[in-house]
Amino acid sequence: MPEESAEGNTDEISFGSEGVDEEAGSRVTASLGSLPGGGHVFTNKDLQRYRPMVSAFGLDDERPASADDNAPANPADANKPAGEKLSPEDIQAQIDSTQAEIAKAEEDLKYLKSRKPSIHNPLLPRVPLTEDDTAKENGMDNVERLEHIAGRIAETEMRLNELRQKLDTLSKTPQ
């Protein structure tokens, strides 16, 4: 049972003689019901106390069905209704389109990475800009351009990783 301290706080418990620190000569205490970061520890007693409150709101102890429970196991089947399998031709078409997207993303990444050195060093020849880049970067100084390009490189690398994972999943799909 918690012992009441001099301040009247019952949230601390002191340990017997084995909790005494010989070097400091003080008692070691542990706080009940709270964590060092300011969080709270819930006990089974707390959970039992809140159970009637949960059922009063119409919630039950069962885990609610999530949106992912009805999702197809294979991401390649996401566009098809449940129970319908992809034909080998459909799988091959998706593989081909994913490979084309990967090639385009790799070209974009190469273009973006080639722009960085010429912005860092004004003595290097500038990489010709696309119309889209010209419109987006109009009025930016070099620092802003570098930040803009770094963000686009990060986005392109993430997209490339997603596409590679999709291709890996599609290539493992049984046909």
N, C-alpha and C. Protein backbone atom coordinates (compact mmCIF):
# COMPACT_ATOMS: atom_id res chain seq x y z
N MET A 1 0.84 -1.19 0.00
CA MET A 1 0.00 0.00 0.00
C MET A 1 0.88 1.24 0.00
N PRO A 2 0.47 2.31 -0.67
CA PRO A 2 1.26 3.53 -0.69
C PRO A 2 1.33 4.16 0.69
N GLU A 3 2.46 4.65 1.03
CA GLU A 3 2.62 5.36 2.29
C GLU A 3 2.45 6.84 2.03
N GLU A 4 1.79 7.51 2.97
CA GLU A 4 1.57 8.93 2.79
C GLU A 4 2.84 9.68 3.18
N SER A 5 3.30 10.54 2.28
CA SER A 5 4.52 11.30 2.56
C SER A 5 4.18 12.51 3.40
N ALA A 6 5.20 13.27 3.76
CA ALA A 6 5.03 14.45 4.62
C ALA A 6 4.12 15.48 3.96
N GLU A 7 4.11 15.56 2.63
CA GLU A 7 3.28 16.54 1.94
C GLU A 7 1.85 16.05 1.80
N GLY A 8 1.55 14.81 2.16
CA GLY A 8 0.21 14.27 2.03
C GLY A 8 -0.03 13.64 0.65
N ASN A 9 1.00 13.41 -0.12
CA ASN A 9 0.88 12.83 -1.44
C ASN A 9 0.89 11.31 -1.31
N THR A 10 -0.16 10.65 -1.78
CA THR A 10 -0.23 9.20 -1.68
C THR A 10 0.18 8.54 -2.98
N ASP A 11 0.73 9.28 -3.92
CA ASP A 11 1.14 8.71 -5.20
C ASP A 11 2.54 8.13 -5.15
N GLU A 12 3.22 8.22 -4.06
CA GLU A 12 4.57 7.69 -3.97
C GLU A 12 4.61 6.58 -2.95
N ILE A 13 5.42 5.62 -3.21
CA ILE A 13 5.61 4.51 -2.28
C ILE A 13 7.10 4.40 -2.01
N SER A 14 7.46 4.17 -0.79
CA SER A 14 8.88 4.01 -0.49
C SER A 14 9.15 2.53 -0.26
N PHE A 15 10.33 2.13 -0.63
CA PHE A 15 10.74 0.75 -0.48
C PHE A 15 11.47 0.62 0.85
N GLY A 16 11.41 -0.56 1.45
CA GLY A 16 12.03 -0.79 2.75
C GLY A 16 13.52 -0.54 2.74
N SER A 17 14.24 -1.20 3.61
CA SER A 17 15.67 -0.95 3.77
C SER A 17 16.45 -1.31 2.51
N GLU A 18 15.90 -2.22 1.67
CA GLU A 18 16.64 -2.55 0.46
C GLU A 18 16.58 -1.40 -0.54
N GLY A 19 15.70 -0.44 -0.35
CA GLY A 19 15.59 0.69 -1.25
C GLY A 19 16.45 1.87 -0.83
N VAL A 20 17.23 1.71 0.23
CA VAL A 20 18.04 2.80 0.72
C VAL A 20 19.34 2.86 -0.07
N ASP A 21 19.69 4.02 -0.54
CA ASP A 21 20.93 4.23 -1.27
C ASP A 21 22.02 4.51 -0.25
N GLU A 22 23.00 3.58 -0.12
CA GLU A 22 24.04 3.73 0.89
C GLU A 22 24.86 4.99 0.69
N GLU A 23 25.18 5.34 -0.56
CA GLU A 23 26.03 6.51 -0.79
C GLU A 23 25.30 7.80 -0.46
N ALA A 24 24.06 7.91 -0.88
CA ALA A 24 23.34 9.16 -0.66
C ALA A 24 22.62 9.15 0.68
N GLY A 25 22.32 7.94 1.21
CA GLY A 25 21.65 7.84 2.49
C GLY A 25 20.19 8.24 2.40
N SER A 26 19.60 8.23 1.22
CA SER A 26 18.19 8.63 1.08
C SER A 26 17.37 7.44 0.62
N ARG A 27 16.07 7.57 0.82
CA ARG A 27 15.16 6.51 0.40
C ARG A 27 14.87 6.66 -1.11
N VAL A 28 14.77 5.52 -1.78
CA VAL A 28 14.41 5.50 -3.18
C VAL A 28 12.89 5.35 -3.24
N THR A 29 12.23 6.22 -4.00
CA THR A 29 10.78 6.14 -4.11
C THR A 29 10.39 5.98 -5.57
N ALA A 30 9.28 5.35 -5.75
CA ALA A 30 8.76 5.17 -7.12
C ALA A 30 7.37 5.77 -7.16
N SER A 31 7.08 6.44 -8.22
CA SER A 31 5.79 7.08 -8.39
C SER A 31 4.82 6.08 -8.98
N LEU A 32 3.65 5.96 -8.38
CA LEU A 32 2.63 5.07 -8.89
C LEU A 32 1.67 5.86 -9.78
N GLY A 33 1.27 5.28 -10.88
CA GLY A 33 0.26 5.90 -11.72
C GLY A 33 0.76 6.95 -12.68
N SER A 34 2.05 7.16 -12.76
CA SER A 34 2.54 8.14 -13.72
C SER A 34 3.87 7.69 -14.28
N LEU A 35 4.19 8.19 -15.42
CA LEU A 35 5.45 7.88 -16.09
C LEU A 35 6.36 9.09 -16.03
N PRO A 36 7.68 8.89 -16.21
CA PRO A 36 8.61 10.02 -16.16
C PRO A 36 8.29 11.11 -17.18
N GLY A 37 7.76 10.76 -18.35
CA GLY A 37 7.46 11.74 -19.38
C GLY A 37 6.15 12.47 -19.15
N GLY A 38 5.47 12.18 -18.04
CA GLY A 38 4.23 12.87 -17.75
C GLY A 38 3.01 12.05 -18.15
N GLY A 39 3.20 10.85 -18.71
CA GLY A 39 2.08 10.01 -19.10
C GLY A 39 1.45 9.37 -17.88
N HIS A 40 0.42 8.55 -18.07
CA HIS A 40 -0.26 7.90 -16.97
C HIS A 40 -0.26 6.40 -17.20
N VAL A 41 -0.08 5.63 -16.14
CA VAL A 41 -0.13 4.18 -16.23
C VAL A 41 -1.52 3.74 -15.82
N PHE A 42 -2.21 2.99 -16.69
CA PHE A 42 -3.52 2.48 -16.39
C PHE A 42 -3.39 1.05 -15.90
N THR A 43 -4.02 0.76 -14.78
CA THR A 43 -3.98 -0.59 -14.22
C THR A 43 -5.23 -1.34 -14.67
N ASN A 44 -5.27 -2.65 -14.39
CA ASN A 44 -6.45 -3.43 -14.72
C ASN A 44 -7.68 -2.90 -13.98
N LYS A 45 -7.46 -2.40 -12.77
CA LYS A 45 -8.56 -1.84 -11.99
C LYS A 45 -9.15 -0.61 -12.71
N ASP A 46 -8.27 0.22 -13.28
CA ASP A 46 -8.75 1.38 -14.04
C ASP A 46 -9.56 0.94 -15.25
N LEU A 47 -9.07 -0.07 -15.95
CA LEU A 47 -9.76 -0.54 -17.15
C LEU A 47 -11.12 -1.12 -16.82
N GLN A 48 -11.21 -1.86 -15.70
CA GLN A 48 -12.50 -2.41 -15.29
C GLN A 48 -13.48 -1.29 -14.93
N ARG A 49 -12.96 -0.22 -14.34
CA ARG A 49 -13.80 0.90 -13.95
C ARG A 49 -14.36 1.62 -15.18
N TYR A 50 -13.61 1.69 -16.29
CA TYR A 50 -14.05 2.39 -17.49
C TYR A 50 -14.89 1.52 -18.42
N ARG A 51 -14.94 0.19 -18.19
CA ARG A 51 -15.66 -0.71 -19.07
C ARG A 51 -17.14 -0.33 -19.21
N PRO A 52 -17.87 -0.04 -18.13
CA PRO A 52 -19.29 0.33 -18.29
C PRO A 52 -19.45 1.63 -19.11
N MET A 53 -18.51 2.53 -18.99
CA MET A 53 -18.59 3.78 -19.73
C MET A 53 -18.47 3.54 -21.23
N VAL A 54 -17.62 2.60 -21.61
CA VAL A 54 -17.43 2.28 -23.02
C VAL A 54 -18.70 1.67 -23.60
N SER A 55 -19.31 0.74 -22.85
CA SER A 55 -20.53 0.11 -23.35
C SER A 55 -21.70 1.09 -23.38
N ALA A 56 -21.69 2.12 -22.54
CA ALA A 56 -22.75 3.13 -22.56
C ALA A 56 -22.76 3.91 -23.86
N PHE A 57 -21.64 3.99 -24.53
CA PHE A 57 -21.55 4.69 -25.82
C PHE A 57 -21.81 3.75 -27.00
N GLY A 58 -22.22 2.53 -26.73
CA GLY A 58 -22.55 1.60 -27.80
C GLY A 58 -21.35 0.87 -28.35
N LEU A 59 -20.23 0.97 -27.69
CA LEU A 59 -19.03 0.26 -28.14
C LEU A 59 -18.95 -1.05 -27.40
N ASP A 60 -18.44 -2.06 -28.06
CA ASP A 60 -18.28 -3.35 -27.41
C ASP A 60 -16.81 -3.69 -27.28
N ASP A 61 -16.54 -4.81 -26.64
CA ASP A 61 -15.16 -5.23 -26.42
C ASP A 61 -14.50 -5.76 -27.68
N GLU A 62 -15.29 -6.08 -28.70
CA GLU A 62 -14.75 -6.60 -29.94
C GLU A 62 -13.97 -5.50 -30.66
N ARG A 63 -12.93 -5.90 -31.38
CA ARG A 63 -12.16 -4.95 -32.20
C ARG A 63 -13.03 -4.55 -33.38
N PRO A 64 -13.19 -3.25 -33.63
CA PRO A 64 -14.00 -2.83 -34.76
C PRO A 64 -13.33 -3.23 -36.08
N ALA A 65 -14.15 -3.52 -37.08
CA ALA A 65 -13.60 -3.88 -38.39
C ALA A 65 -12.96 -2.65 -39.00
N SER A 66 -11.75 -2.82 -39.51
CA SER A 66 -11.07 -1.70 -40.13
C SER A 66 -11.24 -1.78 -41.63
N ALA A 67 -10.90 -0.73 -42.31
CA ALA A 67 -11.02 -0.68 -43.76
C ALA A 67 -10.08 -1.69 -44.41
N ASP A 68 -8.98 -2.02 -43.75
CA ASP A 68 -8.00 -2.93 -44.33
C ASP A 68 -8.45 -4.39 -44.27
N ASP A 69 -9.47 -4.71 -43.46
CA ASP A 69 -9.91 -6.08 -43.35
C ASP A 69 -10.50 -6.60 -44.66
N ASN A 70 -11.11 -5.70 -45.42
CA ASN A 70 -11.74 -6.09 -46.68
C ASN A 70 -10.86 -5.84 -47.88
N ALA A 71 -9.66 -5.34 -47.66
CA ALA A 71 -8.76 -5.03 -48.76
C ALA A 71 -8.21 -6.33 -49.35
N PRO A 72 -7.98 -6.36 -50.66
CA PRO A 72 -7.40 -7.57 -51.25
C PRO A 72 -5.98 -7.78 -50.75
N ALA A 73 -5.60 -9.04 -50.62
CA ALA A 73 -4.27 -9.37 -50.12
C ALA A 73 -3.19 -8.92 -51.09
N ASN A 74 -3.51 -8.94 -52.38
CA ASN A 74 -2.54 -8.56 -53.40
C ASN A 74 -2.85 -7.16 -53.89
N PRO A 75 -1.91 -6.20 -53.80
CA PRO A 75 -2.20 -4.84 -54.25
C PRO A 75 -2.53 -4.77 -55.73
N ALA A 76 -2.11 -5.75 -56.49
CA ALA A 76 -2.43 -5.76 -57.92
C ALA A 76 -3.92 -5.98 -58.14
N ASP A 77 -4.60 -6.57 -57.14
CA ASP A 77 -6.03 -6.84 -57.26
C ASP A 77 -6.88 -5.67 -56.75
N ALA A 78 -6.28 -4.57 -56.39
CA ALA A 78 -7.01 -3.46 -55.78
C ALA A 78 -8.05 -2.87 -56.72
N ASN A 79 -7.83 -2.90 -58.02
CA ASN A 79 -8.77 -2.32 -58.97
C ASN A 79 -9.89 -3.28 -59.34
N LYS A 80 -9.75 -4.53 -58.99
CA LYS A 80 -10.75 -5.54 -59.33
C LYS A 80 -11.72 -5.73 -58.17
N PRO A 81 -12.97 -6.08 -58.47
CA PRO A 81 -13.91 -6.40 -57.39
C PRO A 81 -13.42 -7.63 -56.62
N ALA A 82 -13.89 -7.74 -55.37
CA ALA A 82 -13.47 -8.86 -54.53
C ALA A 82 -13.87 -10.18 -55.18
N GLY A 83 -13.02 -11.16 -55.11
CA GLY A 83 -13.29 -12.47 -55.66
C GLY A 83 -12.86 -12.63 -57.11
N GLU A 84 -12.53 -11.56 -57.80
CA GLU A 84 -12.13 -11.63 -59.19
C GLU A 84 -10.61 -11.56 -59.28
N LYS A 85 -10.01 -12.50 -59.98
CA LYS A 85 -8.55 -12.55 -60.10
C LYS A 85 -8.10 -11.83 -61.35
N LEU A 86 -6.87 -11.35 -61.33
CA LEU A 86 -6.30 -10.72 -62.51
C LEU A 86 -5.80 -11.78 -63.47
N SER A 87 -6.02 -11.52 -64.73
CA SER A 87 -5.51 -12.45 -65.73
C SER A 87 -4.02 -12.20 -65.92
N PRO A 88 -3.30 -13.16 -66.46
CA PRO A 88 -1.87 -12.96 -66.69
C PRO A 88 -1.59 -11.76 -67.60
N GLU A 89 -2.51 -11.48 -68.54
CA GLU A 89 -2.33 -10.32 -69.43
C GLU A 89 -2.43 -9.01 -68.65
N ASP A 90 -3.40 -8.96 -67.71
CA ASP A 90 -3.56 -7.76 -66.89
C ASP A 90 -2.34 -7.53 -66.00
N ILE A 91 -1.83 -8.62 -65.44
CA ILE A 91 -0.65 -8.51 -64.59
C ILE A 91 0.54 -8.02 -65.40
N GLN A 92 0.71 -8.57 -66.61
CA GLN A 92 1.83 -8.16 -67.46
C GLN A 92 1.67 -6.70 -67.89
N ALA A 93 0.43 -6.26 -68.14
CA ALA A 93 0.19 -4.86 -68.52
C ALA A 93 0.55 -3.93 -67.36
N GLN A 94 0.20 -4.34 -66.14
CA GLN A 94 0.55 -3.51 -64.97
C GLN A 94 2.06 -3.50 -64.76
N ILE A 95 2.71 -4.63 -64.99
CA ILE A 95 4.17 -4.68 -64.85
C ILE A 95 4.81 -3.74 -65.86
N ASP A 96 4.33 -3.77 -67.11
CA ASP A 96 4.88 -2.91 -68.16
C ASP A 96 4.68 -1.43 -67.84
N SER A 97 3.48 -1.07 -67.37
CA SER A 97 3.22 0.34 -67.04
C SER A 97 4.05 0.78 -65.84
N THR A 98 4.25 -0.11 -64.88
CA THR A 98 5.07 0.23 -63.71
C THR A 98 6.52 0.41 -64.12
N GLN A 99 7.00 -0.44 -65.03
CA GLN A 99 8.37 -0.29 -65.51
C GLN A 99 8.54 1.03 -66.26
N ALA A 100 7.54 1.44 -67.02
CA ALA A 100 7.60 2.72 -67.74
C ALA A 100 7.63 3.88 -66.74
N GLU A 101 6.81 3.78 -65.68
CA GLU A 101 6.80 4.82 -64.65
C GLU A 101 8.15 4.89 -63.94
N ILE A 102 8.76 3.74 -63.69
CA ILE A 102 10.07 3.70 -63.04
C ILE A 102 11.11 4.38 -63.93
N ALA A 103 11.08 4.09 -65.23
CA ALA A 103 12.04 4.70 -66.16
C ALA A 103 11.87 6.21 -66.19
N LYS A 104 10.61 6.69 -66.18
CA LYS A 104 10.36 8.14 -66.18
C LYS A 104 10.84 8.77 -64.87
N ALA A 105 10.58 8.12 -63.74
CA ALA A 105 11.02 8.64 -62.45
C ALA A 105 12.55 8.68 -62.37
N GLU A 106 13.22 7.68 -62.93
CA GLU A 106 14.69 7.67 -62.93
C GLU A 106 15.23 8.81 -63.79
N GLU A 107 14.58 9.09 -64.94
CA GLU A 107 14.99 10.22 -65.78
C GLU A 107 14.81 11.54 -65.05
N ASP A 108 13.67 11.69 -64.37
CA ASP A 108 13.41 12.91 -63.60
C ASP A 108 14.46 13.09 -62.51
N LEU A 109 14.79 12.01 -61.83
CA LEU A 109 15.78 12.07 -60.75
C LEU A 109 17.15 12.46 -61.30
N LYS A 110 17.51 11.89 -62.44
CA LYS A 110 18.80 12.22 -63.07
C LYS A 110 18.83 13.70 -63.46
N TYR A 111 17.73 14.20 -64.02
CA TYR A 111 17.63 15.61 -64.41
C TYR A 111 17.77 16.53 -63.18
N LEU A 112 17.05 16.19 -62.11
CA LEU A 112 17.09 17.03 -60.91
C LEU A 112 18.47 17.03 -60.27
N LYS A 113 19.10 15.87 -60.22
CA LYS A 113 20.45 15.80 -59.64
C LYS A 113 21.48 16.53 -60.49
N SER A 114 21.26 16.57 -61.81
CA SER A 114 22.20 17.29 -62.67
C SER A 114 22.08 18.80 -62.53
N ARG A 115 20.96 19.27 -62.01
CA ARG A 115 20.77 20.72 -61.84
C ARG A 115 21.49 21.27 -60.63
N LYS A 116 21.68 20.45 -59.60
CA LYS A 116 22.27 20.95 -58.36
C LYS A 116 23.67 21.54 -58.53
N PRO A 117 24.61 20.88 -59.21
CA PRO A 117 25.96 21.46 -59.31
C PRO A 117 25.98 22.81 -60.01
N SER A 118 25.15 22.98 -61.04
CA SER A 118 25.18 24.25 -61.76
C SER A 118 24.58 25.38 -60.93
N ILE A 119 23.73 25.07 -59.99
CA ILE A 119 23.19 26.11 -59.11
C ILE A 119 24.21 26.45 -58.03
N HIS A 120 24.91 25.44 -57.52
CA HIS A 120 25.95 25.67 -56.52
C HIS A 120 27.10 26.50 -57.09
N ASN A 121 27.50 26.18 -58.31
CA ASN A 121 28.66 26.83 -58.90
C ASN A 121 28.22 27.59 -60.15
N PRO A 122 28.20 28.92 -60.10
CA PRO A 122 27.73 29.70 -61.26
C PRO A 122 28.66 29.61 -62.48
N LEU A 123 29.87 29.08 -62.31
CA LEU A 123 30.78 28.96 -63.44
C LEU A 123 30.47 27.74 -64.31
N LEU A 124 29.70 26.80 -63.79
CA LEU A 124 29.31 25.63 -64.58
C LEU A 124 28.16 26.01 -65.51
N PRO A 125 28.10 25.37 -66.67
CA PRO A 125 26.98 25.67 -67.58
C PRO A 125 25.65 25.23 -66.96
N ARG A 126 24.62 26.02 -67.19
CA ARG A 126 23.30 25.72 -66.65
C ARG A 126 22.64 24.60 -67.44
N VAL A 127 21.94 23.74 -66.72
CA VAL A 127 21.16 22.69 -67.36
C VAL A 127 19.90 23.34 -67.91
N PRO A 128 19.54 23.07 -69.16
CA PRO A 128 18.33 23.67 -69.72
C PRO A 128 17.10 23.30 -68.90
N LEU A 129 16.28 24.29 -68.58
CA LEU A 129 15.10 24.07 -67.75
C LEU A 129 13.90 23.70 -68.61
N THR A 130 13.03 22.92 -68.03
CA THR A 130 11.76 22.64 -68.69
C THR A 130 10.85 23.85 -68.48
N GLU A 131 9.78 23.94 -69.26
CA GLU A 131 8.85 25.06 -69.12
C GLU A 131 8.23 25.07 -67.73
N ASP A 132 7.95 23.90 -67.21
CA ASP A 132 7.34 23.78 -65.88
C ASP A 132 8.29 24.31 -64.81
N ASP A 133 9.58 23.93 -64.89
CA ASP A 133 10.56 24.41 -63.92
C ASP A 133 10.76 25.91 -64.04
N THR A 134 10.76 26.43 -65.25
CA THR A 134 10.93 27.86 -65.46
C THR A 134 9.80 28.62 -64.78
N ALA A 135 8.58 28.14 -64.93
CA ALA A 135 7.43 28.81 -64.32
C ALA A 135 7.47 28.71 -62.80
N LYS A 136 7.83 27.53 -62.27
CA LYS A 136 7.84 27.35 -60.81
C LYS A 136 8.96 28.12 -60.14
N GLU A 137 10.11 28.22 -60.79
CA GLU A 137 11.27 28.82 -60.15
C GLU A 137 11.47 30.29 -60.52
N ASN A 138 10.52 30.86 -61.22
CA ASN A 138 10.60 32.26 -61.58
C ASN A 138 10.58 33.12 -60.31
N GLY A 139 11.59 33.95 -60.14
CA GLY A 139 11.67 34.83 -58.98
C GLY A 139 12.38 34.23 -57.78
N MET A 140 12.81 32.98 -57.87
CA MET A 140 13.53 32.36 -56.76
C MET A 140 15.02 32.68 -56.86
N ASP A 141 15.65 32.82 -55.69
CA ASP A 141 17.11 32.93 -55.72
C ASP A 141 17.69 31.52 -55.66
N ASN A 142 19.02 31.41 -55.71
CA ASN A 142 19.65 30.08 -55.78
C ASN A 142 19.40 29.23 -54.55
N VAL A 143 19.34 29.84 -53.38
CA VAL A 143 19.08 29.07 -52.16
C VAL A 143 17.69 28.45 -52.22
N GLU A 144 16.71 29.24 -52.66
CA GLU A 144 15.35 28.72 -52.78
C GLU A 144 15.27 27.64 -53.87
N ARG A 145 16.01 27.84 -54.94
CA ARG A 145 16.03 26.82 -56.00
C ARG A 145 16.60 25.51 -55.47
N LEU A 146 17.69 25.59 -54.71
CA LEU A 146 18.30 24.38 -54.15
C LEU A 146 17.34 23.66 -53.21
N GLU A 147 16.63 24.43 -52.37
CA GLU A 147 15.66 23.82 -51.46
C GLU A 147 14.53 23.17 -52.25
N HIS A 148 14.08 23.86 -53.29
CA HIS A 148 13.01 23.35 -54.14
C HIS A 148 13.45 22.05 -54.82
N ILE A 149 14.65 22.03 -55.35
CA ILE A 149 15.16 20.84 -56.03
C ILE A 149 15.38 19.70 -55.04
N ALA A 150 15.89 20.01 -53.85
CA ALA A 150 16.10 18.97 -52.83
C ALA A 150 14.77 18.32 -52.45
N GLY A 151 13.72 19.12 -52.32
CA GLY A 151 12.40 18.57 -52.02
C GLY A 151 11.88 17.69 -53.14
N ARG A 152 12.07 18.12 -54.38
CA ARG A 152 11.62 17.33 -55.52
C ARG A 152 12.43 16.05 -55.65
N ILE A 153 13.72 16.09 -55.33
CA ILE A 153 14.54 14.88 -55.36
C ILE A 153 14.03 13.87 -54.33
N ALA A 154 13.72 14.36 -53.13
CA ALA A 154 13.21 13.48 -52.08
C ALA A 154 11.88 12.86 -52.50
N GLU A 155 10.98 13.67 -53.07
CA GLU A 155 9.69 13.14 -53.53
C GLU A 155 9.88 12.11 -54.63
N THR A 156 10.77 12.39 -55.56
CA THR A 156 11.00 11.47 -56.68
C THR A 156 11.61 10.17 -56.19
N GLU A 157 12.53 10.23 -55.22
CA GLU A 157 13.14 9.01 -54.68
C GLU A 157 12.09 8.17 -53.94
N MET A 158 11.20 8.84 -53.19
CA MET A 158 10.13 8.10 -52.51
C MET A 158 9.22 7.42 -53.53
N ARG A 159 8.84 8.16 -54.56
CA ARG A 159 7.97 7.61 -55.60
C ARG A 159 8.66 6.43 -56.29
N LEU A 160 9.94 6.56 -56.54
CA LEU A 160 10.71 5.50 -57.19
C LEU A 160 10.74 4.24 -56.32
N ASN A 161 10.92 4.42 -55.01
CA ASN A 161 10.91 3.27 -54.10
C ASN A 161 9.54 2.60 -54.07
N GLU A 162 8.47 3.40 -54.07
CA GLU A 162 7.12 2.84 -54.08
C GLU A 162 6.88 2.05 -55.37
N LEU A 163 7.31 2.60 -56.49
CA LEU A 163 7.13 1.91 -57.77
C LEU A 163 7.92 0.62 -57.81
N ARG A 164 9.13 0.63 -57.27
CA ARG A 164 9.94 -0.60 -57.26
C ARG A 164 9.30 -1.67 -56.38
N GLN A 165 8.72 -1.25 -55.24
CA GLN A 165 8.03 -2.21 -54.38
C GLN A 165 6.80 -2.77 -55.10
N LYS A 166 6.08 -1.91 -55.80
CA LYS A 166 4.91 -2.36 -56.56
C LYS A 166 5.33 -3.35 -57.63
N LEU A 167 6.41 -3.06 -58.33
CA LEU A 167 6.90 -3.96 -59.37
C LEU A 167 7.31 -5.30 -58.76
N ASP A 168 7.95 -5.26 -57.61
CA ASP A 168 8.36 -6.49 -56.94
C ASP A 168 7.14 -7.31 -56.56
N THR A 169 6.10 -6.65 -56.05
CA THR A 169 4.87 -7.34 -55.68
C THR A 169 4.19 -7.93 -56.90
N LEU A 170 4.13 -7.14 -57.98
CA LEU A 170 3.48 -7.63 -59.20
C LEU A 170 4.24 -8.81 -59.81
N SER A 171 5.57 -8.76 -59.75
CA SER A 171 6.34 -9.86 -60.34
C SER A 171 6.24 -11.14 -59.52
N LYS A 172 5.86 -11.02 -58.25
CA LYS A 172 5.69 -12.20 -57.40
C LYS A 172 4.27 -12.75 -57.45
N THR A 173 3.37 -12.03 -58.14
CA THR A 173 1.99 -12.47 -58.24
C THR A 173 1.90 -13.73 -59.08
N PRO A 174 1.24 -14.76 -58.54
CA PRO A 174 1.12 -16.00 -59.34
C PRO A 174 0.23 -15.75 -60.55
N GLN A 175 0.65 -16.32 -61.67
CA GLN A 175 -0.11 -16.11 -62.92
C GLN A 175 -0.84 -17.33 -63.36
